[in-house]
C-alpha cells in the first residue's frame, strides 16, 4: 500500500495558561490518502480547528505544538521554518476558512486578493496573465469573471465562500482543509458550496479534510470520518459504516441526537458537559458522561484498535472483538 498523503502521528497542541496548559489536542493520530475526502467531526471545543491550524503552521501564541509529527508527503511540517511553511501553504496544502467575511480583506477587490496569492509563489507571472487565471478560477467555482472587480461586502455569503475556495485552489494544492465552510449559510447555499468543493476536489484530484460538527454534512460529503472528543480521536471509519453502526458511545449519542426523516422518534441529547482540557478526567475522557461506563474506564484510557477492517475505536466495550 502506498504511503498516505498526510500522516498525523500523536499530535499534541497546548495553549499555555497561568493555571496550567490547555491540552487542546492530545495524541491525535490519523492519515489521509491521496484524493480522499476525510471528515474531522465533533462538538465545539474538541480541538478540530486547532488541529487544522497546526497542520498549516498557523497556530498563534500561546498555542504551540508540543509533540507528534505532521507528515505531508513524508516531510514533517512541525520541523519546517516559517519561510518554508509559507512556500508550502496554498502550493501543497491550503485552507478554506470558516468565516469568509473575516478572512477576506474588506478594502481589496477580489481579483487583487487572489492575484496576491499567485504572486507570492510565482513572482514572475505577469499581471495580465494573473488576471486571466483569476477569471478562470472564479468560473471554476461557479462565479462570473466580473466578480473579480467586486469588494467582499458586495458578495453574498455563498459567493464569499466560493471566492475563498477559488483562492485555496489557485496553486493546485495536494490537500485542501475546509474548516466548517458551510457555517452561517442556509441549507440551499450549504449544498451549493459543498457541491463546488466536491467539483474542484475531483478536478484537481486533491484530498480534502472537512472540519465541522454538522454530522449531516459529513454524511453527504466525506469517504471516511474521524470523531473527536476532548482533544482525542475516539473512532475512525468509513462514513457509511460509522453511521450505520457507530461503535463508540460518544458517536452513538452524537448520531442519535440527529433528527430523522424516516419517522418520528425521541431525540436524545448527550448528558453532562465536555471536560476541562486543563485537568481532564482520568481514564477515558468520555466516561463521566457515558451511559455504558465501567470501573476500568476511570482507571485508564482505552487504546485505539482496529475492530473491523479500516474501522478503529477507543473503547473497552469492544475489547472482545479485538
Protein backbone atom coordinates (compact mmCIF):
# COMPACT_ATOMS: atom_id res chain seq x y z
CA UNK A 1 0.00 0.00 0.00
CA UNK A 2 1.32 3.47 -0.88
CA UNK A 3 2.21 5.91 1.88
CA UNK A 4 -0.59 8.30 2.91
CA UNK A 5 -0.56 11.86 1.64
CA UNK A 6 -0.98 13.27 5.15
CA UNK A 7 0.09 11.25 8.19
CA UNK A 8 -0.60 12.75 11.62
CA UNK A 9 1.17 10.92 14.42
CA UNK A 10 0.45 11.54 18.12
CA UNK A 11 -0.06 15.28 17.60
CA UNK A 12 -0.24 17.34 20.78
CA UNK A 13 -1.12 21.04 20.90
CA UNK A 14 -1.16 23.02 24.14
CA UNK A 15 -2.24 26.56 24.98
CA UNK A 16 -0.19 27.91 27.85
CA UNK A 17 -2.06 29.48 30.78
CA UNK A 18 -1.09 30.63 34.26
CA UNK A 19 -3.13 27.83 35.83
CA UNK A 20 -1.78 25.09 33.53
CA UNK A 21 -1.69 24.14 29.88
CA UNK A 22 -4.91 23.61 27.95
CA UNK A 23 -4.38 20.29 26.15
CA UNK A 24 -6.49 21.20 23.12
CA UNK A 25 -5.14 18.31 21.01
CA UNK A 26 -3.79 15.35 22.94
CA UNK A 27 -2.48 12.44 20.89
CA UNK A 28 -4.21 12.90 17.54
CA UNK A 29 -3.33 10.11 15.08
CA UNK A 30 -4.86 9.53 11.63
CA UNK A 31 -3.96 9.58 7.95
CA UNK A 32 -5.47 10.85 4.71
CA UNK A 33 -4.93 9.12 1.39
CA UNK A 34 -4.37 10.90 -1.89
CA UNK A 35 -7.68 12.07 -3.39
CA UNK A 36 -9.66 11.10 -0.28
CA UNK A 37 -12.33 13.13 1.49
CA UNK A 38 -11.84 12.80 5.25
CA UNK A 39 -14.12 14.30 7.89
CA UNK A 40 -12.95 15.52 11.29
CA UNK A 41 -16.10 15.85 13.40
CA UNK A 42 -17.04 16.62 16.98
CA UNK A 43 -18.68 19.19 19.22
CA UNK A 44 -17.35 22.73 19.66
CA UNK A 45 -14.13 22.91 21.65
CA UNK A 46 -12.95 19.37 20.91
CA UNK A 47 -9.82 20.53 19.05
CA UNK A 48 -10.88 20.29 15.39
CA UNK A 49 -9.96 23.81 14.28
CA UNK A 50 -6.82 23.83 16.43
CA UNK A 51 -5.73 20.67 14.61
CA UNK A 52 -6.38 22.30 11.23
CA UNK A 53 -4.30 25.34 12.18
CA UNK A 54 -1.50 23.07 13.39
CA UNK A 55 -1.45 21.27 10.01
CA UNK A 56 -0.90 24.64 8.31
CA UNK A 57 1.58 26.00 10.85
CA UNK A 58 -0.83 28.84 11.68
CA UNK A 59 -1.11 28.45 15.45
CA UNK A 60 -0.71 31.69 17.34
CA UNK A 61 0.78 32.15 20.79
CA UNK A 62 0.08 30.84 23.37
CA UNK A 63 -0.78 27.82 21.20
CA UNK A 64 2.08 25.55 20.17
CA UNK A 65 2.78 22.03 19.01
CA UNK A 66 4.44 20.22 21.92
CA UNK A 67 4.69 16.74 20.42
CA UNK A 68 3.99 14.49 17.49
CA UNK A 69 4.57 14.72 13.76
CA UNK A 70 2.60 16.02 10.76
CA UNK A 71 3.95 14.34 7.65
CA UNK A 72 2.93 15.74 4.25
CA UNK A 73 4.41 13.56 1.51
CA UNK A 74 6.90 12.36 4.12
CA UNK A 75 8.01 15.89 5.13
CA UNK A 76 7.47 16.73 8.82
CA UNK A 77 5.72 20.12 8.83
CA UNK A 78 6.44 20.63 12.54
CA UNK A 79 10.17 20.90 11.77
CA UNK A 80 9.93 23.49 8.99
CA UNK A 81 10.76 27.17 9.37
CA UNK A 82 8.11 29.85 8.89
CA UNK A 83 9.55 30.68 5.46
CA UNK A 84 9.43 27.03 4.40
CA UNK A 85 5.82 26.78 5.61
CA UNK A 86 4.88 29.91 3.64
CA UNK A 87 6.15 28.24 0.49
CA UNK A 88 4.05 25.14 1.17
CA UNK A 89 0.79 26.93 2.01
CA UNK A 90 -1.53 27.17 -0.99
CA UNK A 91 1.03 25.36 -3.16
CA UNK A 92 0.84 21.98 -1.35
CA UNK A 93 -1.70 22.43 1.44
CA UNK A 94 -4.37 25.11 1.60
CA UNK A 95 -7.26 26.30 3.75
CA UNK A 96 -10.88 27.21 3.10
CA UNK A 97 -11.54 29.23 6.27
CA UNK A 98 -14.60 29.12 8.48
CA UNK A 99 -15.53 32.81 8.28
CA UNK A 100 -15.17 34.02 4.70
CA UNK A 101 -16.13 37.61 5.54
CA UNK A 102 -13.48 37.80 8.25
CA UNK A 103 -10.86 36.12 6.06
CA UNK A 104 -11.19 38.36 3.01
CA UNK A 105 -9.66 41.84 3.10
CA UNK A 106 -12.61 44.27 3.04
CA UNK A 107 -10.68 47.04 1.24
CA UNK A 108 -9.26 44.90 -1.59
CA UNK A 109 -11.06 43.74 -4.68
CA UNK A 110 -11.46 40.00 -5.16
CA UNK A 111 -9.05 39.93 -8.11
CA UNK A 112 -6.25 41.55 -6.11
CA UNK A 113 -6.62 39.12 -3.21
CA UNK A 114 -6.42 36.04 -5.43
CA UNK A 115 -3.65 37.59 -7.54
CA UNK A 116 -1.61 38.25 -4.38
CA UNK A 117 -1.75 34.53 -3.58
CA UNK A 118 -0.42 33.70 -7.04
CA UNK A 119 2.26 36.42 -6.96
CA UNK A 120 3.56 35.31 -3.54
CA UNK A 121 4.51 31.92 -5.04
CA UNK A 122 5.05 32.84 -8.68
CA UNK A 123 6.54 36.35 -8.69
CA UNK A 124 7.41 36.21 -12.40
CA UNK A 125 3.79 35.86 -13.51
CA UNK A 126 2.72 38.98 -15.41
CA UNK A 127 -0.22 40.98 -14.10
CA UNK A 128 -2.27 40.34 -17.25
CA UNK A 129 -1.67 36.60 -17.05
CA UNK A 130 -2.62 36.61 -13.37
CA UNK A 131 -5.87 38.41 -14.23
CA UNK A 132 -6.74 35.69 -16.75
CA UNK A 133 -6.04 32.99 -14.15
CA UNK A 134 -8.21 34.78 -11.58
CA UNK A 135 -11.12 34.88 -14.03
CA UNK A 136 -10.71 31.18 -14.81
CA UNK A 137 -10.55 30.33 -11.09
CA UNK A 138 -13.77 32.21 -10.40
CA UNK A 139 -15.53 30.42 -13.26
CA UNK A 140 -14.27 27.08 -11.93
CA UNK A 141 -16.18 27.69 -8.66
CA UNK A 142 -19.36 28.82 -10.41
CA UNK A 143 -18.86 32.59 -10.30
CA UNK A 144 -18.83 35.07 -13.17
CA UNK A 145 -15.50 36.64 -14.15
CA UNK A 146 -16.99 40.05 -13.32
CA UNK A 147 -16.93 39.12 -9.63
CA UNK A 148 -13.18 39.79 -9.75
CA UNK A 149 -13.70 43.56 -9.65
CA UNK A 150 -16.06 43.49 -6.64
CA UNK A 151 -15.29 44.01 -2.97
CA UNK A 152 -16.20 41.34 -0.39
CA UNK A 153 -19.11 43.37 1.02
CA UNK A 154 -20.74 43.29 -2.41
CA UNK A 155 -20.97 39.49 -2.35
CA UNK A 156 -23.45 37.14 -0.70
CA UNK A 157 -22.26 34.67 1.94
CA UNK A 158 -22.17 31.81 -0.56
CA UNK A 159 -20.26 33.91 -3.10
CA UNK A 160 -17.66 34.90 -0.50
CA UNK A 161 -17.17 31.26 0.42
CA UNK A 162 -16.66 30.36 -3.24
CA UNK A 163 -14.06 33.13 -3.56
CA UNK A 164 -12.22 31.51 -0.62
CA UNK A 165 -12.38 28.15 -2.42
CA UNK A 166 -11.02 29.77 -5.61
CA UNK A 167 -8.13 31.22 -3.59
CA UNK A 168 -7.47 27.87 -1.92
CA UNK A 169 -7.12 26.06 -5.28
CA UNK A 170 -5.22 28.83 -7.09
CA UNK A 171 -1.95 26.86 -7.00
CA UNK A 172 -3.48 23.37 -7.32
CA UNK A 173 -2.60 22.06 -3.83
CA UNK A 174 -2.41 18.36 -2.95
CA UNK A 175 -4.68 18.72 0.08
CA UNK A 176 -7.42 21.21 0.99
CA UNK A 177 -8.52 21.77 4.59
CA UNK A 178 -12.08 23.11 4.74
CA UNK A 179 -12.82 24.42 8.25
CA UNK A 180 -16.62 24.46 8.61
CA UNK A 181 -17.06 26.05 5.16
CA UNK A 182 -20.87 25.98 5.37
CA UNK A 183 -21.35 27.54 8.81
CA UNK A 184 -23.74 30.53 8.93
CA UNK A 185 -25.14 29.63 5.47
CA UNK A 186 -28.69 28.49 4.77
CA UNK A 187 -29.21 24.89 3.70
CA UNK A 188 -29.60 25.69 -0.02
CA UNK A 189 -26.34 27.65 -0.12
CA UNK A 190 -24.66 24.97 2.01
CA UNK A 191 -25.44 22.42 -0.66
CA UNK A 192 -24.11 24.70 -3.40
CA UNK A 193 -20.85 25.33 -1.53
CA UNK A 194 -20.35 21.61 -0.83
CA UNK A 195 -21.04 20.79 -4.48
CA UNK A 196 -18.48 23.40 -5.52
CA UNK A 197 -15.90 21.94 -3.14
CA UNK A 198 -16.66 18.44 -4.42
CA UNK A 199 -16.31 19.57 -8.05
CA UNK A 200 -12.93 21.26 -7.58
CA UNK A 201 -11.66 18.33 -5.48
CA UNK A 202 -12.47 15.88 -8.26
CA UNK A 203 -11.00 18.17 -10.90
CA UNK A 204 -7.71 18.61 -9.05
CA UNK A 205 -7.54 15.08 -7.63
CA UNK A 206 -6.75 16.70 -4.28
CA UNK A 207 -7.55 15.30 -0.86
CA UNK A 208 -9.94 17.21 1.41
CA UNK A 209 -10.19 17.35 5.19
CA UNK A 210 -13.65 18.64 6.09
CA UNK A 211 -13.70 20.01 9.64
CA UNK A 212 -17.07 20.51 11.32
CA UNK A 213 -19.76 19.48 13.77
CA UNK A 214 -22.63 19.03 11.30
CA UNK A 215 -22.94 15.26 11.01
CA UNK A 216 -25.49 15.60 8.19
CA UNK A 217 -22.96 17.48 6.08
CA UNK A 218 -20.31 14.86 6.90
CA UNK A 219 -22.62 12.03 5.82
CA UNK A 220 -23.17 13.69 2.43
CA UNK A 221 -19.59 14.62 1.65
CA UNK A 222 -16.79 12.51 3.15
CA UNK A 223 -15.48 8.99 2.48
CA UNK A 224 -14.11 8.37 5.98
CA UNK A 225 -14.78 10.14 9.25
CA UNK A 226 -12.89 10.65 12.48
CA UNK A 227 -14.85 11.53 15.62
CA UNK A 228 -13.03 13.84 18.06
CA UNK A 229 -13.81 14.26 21.73
CA UNK A 230 -11.88 16.44 24.19
CA UNK A 231 -8.75 16.62 22.06
CA UNK A 232 -8.61 12.94 21.10
CA UNK A 233 -9.97 10.74 18.32
CA UNK A 234 -12.39 8.12 19.63
CA UNK A 235 -13.48 6.49 16.37
CA UNK A 236 -12.38 6.40 12.72
CA UNK A 237 -14.05 4.50 9.90
CA UNK A 238 -15.86 4.59 6.56
CA UNK A 239 -18.63 7.16 6.89
CA UNK A 240 -21.45 4.82 5.82
CA UNK A 241 -20.30 2.17 8.32
CA UNK A 242 -19.93 4.64 11.18
CA UNK A 243 -23.45 5.99 10.63
CA UNK A 244 -24.97 2.52 10.20
CA UNK A 245 -23.31 1.08 13.31
CA UNK A 246 -21.39 3.55 15.47
CA UNK A 247 -19.08 1.76 17.89
CA UNK A 248 -18.04 4.40 20.41
CA UNK A 249 -20.70 5.58 22.90
CA UNK A 250 -20.00 9.23 22.05
CA UNK A 251 -20.51 8.55 18.35
CA UNK A 252 -23.74 6.67 19.11
CA UNK A 253 -25.14 9.55 21.14
CA UNK A 254 -23.97 12.12 18.60
CA UNK A 255 -25.80 10.36 15.78
CA UNK A 256 -28.85 9.65 17.97
CA UNK A 257 -29.22 13.40 18.52
CA UNK A 258 -29.82 13.99 14.79
CA UNK A 259 -33.40 14.37 13.53
CA UNK A 260 -34.58 11.72 11.06
CA UNK A 261 -36.90 11.90 8.06
CA UNK A 262 -37.64 8.17 8.39
CA UNK A 263 -40.23 8.65 11.11
CA UNK A 264 -40.85 10.20 14.49
CA UNK A 265 -38.52 9.28 17.31
CA UNK A 266 -37.36 10.84 20.52
CA UNK A 267 -34.27 12.98 20.11
CA UNK A 268 -31.62 12.15 22.69
CA UNK A 269 -29.12 14.65 23.97
CA UNK A 270 -25.73 13.86 25.48
CA UNK A 271 -25.83 14.25 29.27
CA UNK A 272 -23.31 16.42 31.09
CA UNK A 273 -20.69 18.81 29.76
CA UNK A 274 -17.34 18.36 27.98
CA UNK A 275 -14.42 18.02 30.43
CA UNK A 276 -11.85 20.65 31.27
CA UNK A 277 -8.85 20.38 28.97
CA UNK A 278 -6.61 21.79 31.69
CA UNK A 279 -7.35 18.88 34.01
CA UNK A 280 -9.23 16.21 32.04
CA UNK A 281 -10.74 13.26 33.95
CA UNK A 282 -8.62 10.13 34.42
CA UNK A 283 -9.02 7.22 32.05
CA UNK A 284 -11.44 7.63 29.16
CA UNK A 285 -12.34 11.29 28.81
CA UNK A 286 -15.93 10.47 27.92
CA UNK A 287 -16.56 8.19 30.92
CA UNK A 288 -18.18 10.89 33.18
CA UNK A 289 -20.92 11.29 30.52
CA UNK A 290 -21.08 7.72 29.22
CA UNK A 291 -24.18 5.59 29.99
CA UNK A 292 -22.10 2.42 29.44
CA UNK A 293 -19.09 3.40 31.61
CA UNK A 294 -17.38 0.66 33.64
CA UNK A 295 -14.92 0.84 36.54
CA UNK A 296 -11.98 0.30 34.23
CA UNK A 297 -12.97 3.35 32.15
CA UNK A 298 -11.92 5.65 35.00
CA UNK A 299 -8.69 3.74 35.67
CA UNK A 300 -7.00 4.03 32.28
CA UNK A 301 -7.66 5.29 28.78
CA UNK A 302 -8.52 2.64 26.18
CA UNK A 303 -6.14 2.27 23.25
CA UNK A 304 -7.33 2.63 19.67
CA UNK A 305 -7.74 -0.74 17.98
CA UNK A 306 -8.95 -1.89 14.57
CA UNK A 307 -12.19 -3.71 15.38
CA UNK A 308 -13.12 -4.15 11.70
CA UNK A 309 -11.09 -3.52 8.54
CA UNK A 310 -10.49 0.22 8.44
CA UNK A 311 -12.73 0.86 11.46
CA UNK A 312 -10.91 1.92 14.63
CA UNK A 313 -12.35 2.66 18.06
CA UNK A 314 -11.03 3.54 21.50
CA UNK A 315 -13.46 1.85 23.90
CA UNK A 316 -13.37 -1.06 26.37
CA UNK A 317 -16.81 -2.19 25.15
CA UNK A 318 -15.12 -3.66 22.09
CA UNK A 319 -12.14 -5.38 23.71
CA UNK A 320 -13.54 -8.85 22.95
CA UNK A 321 -13.67 -8.05 19.24
CA UNK A 322 -10.01 -7.11 19.07
